[in-house]
Protein backbone atom coordinates (compact mmCIF):
# COMPACT_ATOMS: atom_id res chain seq x y z
CA UNK A 1 11.46 -167.90 21.54
CA UNK A 2 12.82 -164.83 23.32
CA UNK A 3 14.88 -163.73 20.31
CA UNK A 4 11.80 -164.10 18.12
CA UNK A 5 9.63 -162.04 20.44
CA UNK A 6 12.20 -159.34 21.22
CA UNK A 7 13.54 -158.83 17.70
CA UNK A 8 10.33 -159.21 15.72
CA UNK A 9 7.96 -157.68 18.30
CA UNK A 10 5.60 -160.66 18.45
CA UNK A 11 3.05 -161.11 21.19
CA UNK A 12 2.63 -164.36 23.16
CA UNK A 13 -0.52 -165.34 21.23
CA UNK A 14 1.29 -164.94 17.91
CA UNK A 15 4.15 -167.15 19.11
CA UNK A 16 1.69 -169.73 20.44
CA UNK A 17 -0.22 -169.88 17.12
CA UNK A 18 2.91 -170.17 14.93
CA UNK A 19 3.55 -173.40 13.07
CA UNK A 20 6.77 -174.59 11.50
CA UNK A 21 5.37 -174.11 7.99
CA UNK A 22 4.59 -170.46 8.75
CA UNK A 23 8.31 -169.82 8.16
CA UNK A 24 8.56 -169.08 4.44
CA UNK A 25 10.79 -167.44 1.90
CA UNK A 26 9.37 -164.31 0.31
CA UNK A 27 11.64 -162.95 -2.41
CA UNK A 28 15.10 -162.79 -0.85
CA UNK A 29 13.80 -162.60 2.72
CA UNK A 30 12.65 -165.19 5.24
CA UNK A 31 9.38 -164.26 6.89
CA UNK A 32 7.11 -165.68 9.57
CA UNK A 33 3.40 -165.47 8.77
CA UNK A 34 1.42 -164.50 11.87
CA UNK A 35 -2.25 -164.04 12.62
CA UNK A 36 -2.41 -160.37 13.46
CA UNK A 37 -4.72 -158.87 16.04
CA UNK A 38 -8.32 -158.94 14.81
CA UNK A 39 -7.53 -161.22 11.85
CA UNK A 40 -8.84 -164.75 11.22
CA UNK A 41 -6.01 -165.85 8.88
CA UNK A 42 -2.22 -165.91 9.10
CA UNK A 43 -1.88 -163.17 6.54
CA UNK A 44 0.73 -160.84 8.06
CA UNK A 45 4.32 -161.61 6.99
CA UNK A 46 6.93 -160.41 9.50
CA UNK A 47 10.46 -160.20 8.12
CA UNK A 48 12.88 -162.43 10.03
CA UNK A 49 16.45 -161.11 10.58
CA UNK A 50 19.27 -163.52 9.87
CA UNK A 51 20.20 -164.08 13.51
CA UNK A 52 16.61 -164.99 14.36
CA UNK A 53 16.37 -167.44 11.45
CA UNK A 54 19.67 -169.01 12.52
CA UNK A 55 18.45 -169.42 16.11
CA UNK A 56 15.14 -170.96 14.98
CA UNK A 57 16.85 -173.35 12.57
CA UNK A 58 19.20 -174.49 15.39
CA UNK A 59 16.23 -174.97 17.72
CA UNK A 60 14.32 -177.01 15.13
CA UNK A 61 17.39 -179.13 14.42
CA UNK A 62 17.72 -179.94 18.14
CA UNK A 63 14.04 -180.65 18.37
CA UNK A 64 14.34 -183.35 15.72
CA UNK A 65 12.01 -184.59 13.03
CA UNK A 66 8.57 -183.01 13.17
CA UNK A 67 5.71 -182.46 10.76
CA UNK A 68 5.74 -179.15 8.90
CA UNK A 69 2.29 -178.27 10.26
CA UNK A 70 3.41 -178.88 13.84
CA UNK A 71 3.51 -176.00 16.35
CA UNK A 72 6.73 -173.97 16.19
CA UNK A 73 7.00 -174.19 19.97
CA UNK A 74 5.71 -177.42 21.43
CA UNK A 75 5.11 -178.26 25.06
CA UNK A 76 7.43 -180.64 26.90
CA UNK A 77 5.14 -181.12 29.91
CA UNK A 78 3.72 -184.60 30.56
CA UNK A 79 0.11 -183.43 30.07
CA UNK A 80 0.62 -181.69 26.70
CA UNK A 81 3.84 -183.13 25.32
CA UNK A 82 4.23 -182.31 21.64
CA UNK A 83 1.11 -180.12 21.56
CA UNK A 84 1.05 -176.33 21.12
CA UNK A 85 2.63 -174.38 23.98
CA UNK A 86 0.10 -172.25 25.80
CA UNK A 87 0.32 -168.47 26.16
CA UNK A 88 0.58 -168.97 29.91
CA UNK A 89 3.67 -171.18 29.48
CA UNK A 90 5.22 -168.70 27.07
CA UNK A 91 4.57 -165.82 29.50
CA UNK A 92 6.18 -167.81 32.30
CA UNK A 93 9.31 -168.39 30.24
CA UNK A 94 9.51 -164.69 29.32
CA UNK A 95 9.13 -163.68 32.98
CA UNK A 96 11.79 -166.20 34.04
CA UNK A 97 14.39 -164.86 31.63
C-alpha cells in the first residue's frame, strides 16, 4: 500500500476505492485505473512501475483466492473483515510507517 501511494502518488481515497480488476495491461504497461478527483468513473489510468506491480502481485498471492471485483486492500478487522478498507484505516497505516 505504501509503495503504491508513494511511487504512484495516489491519495487515500483512490487506494480505498481500488479493486483487484482495476489492475490492467495497457499496451506494454501495467496500469491501475483510479477514480480521479471530481470524476464519477474509474477512467484515469496510472502507469505502474515494475517494482510496484511485483509488490502488489506478492501481496495478492499472500492474500489468497479472491474475486476479481474485490477491494484491492481489504480490512482484517472483526467488524469489516474482507470488506473495503476505510480511508481512516489507510491513513492510520501511513502515519504508523
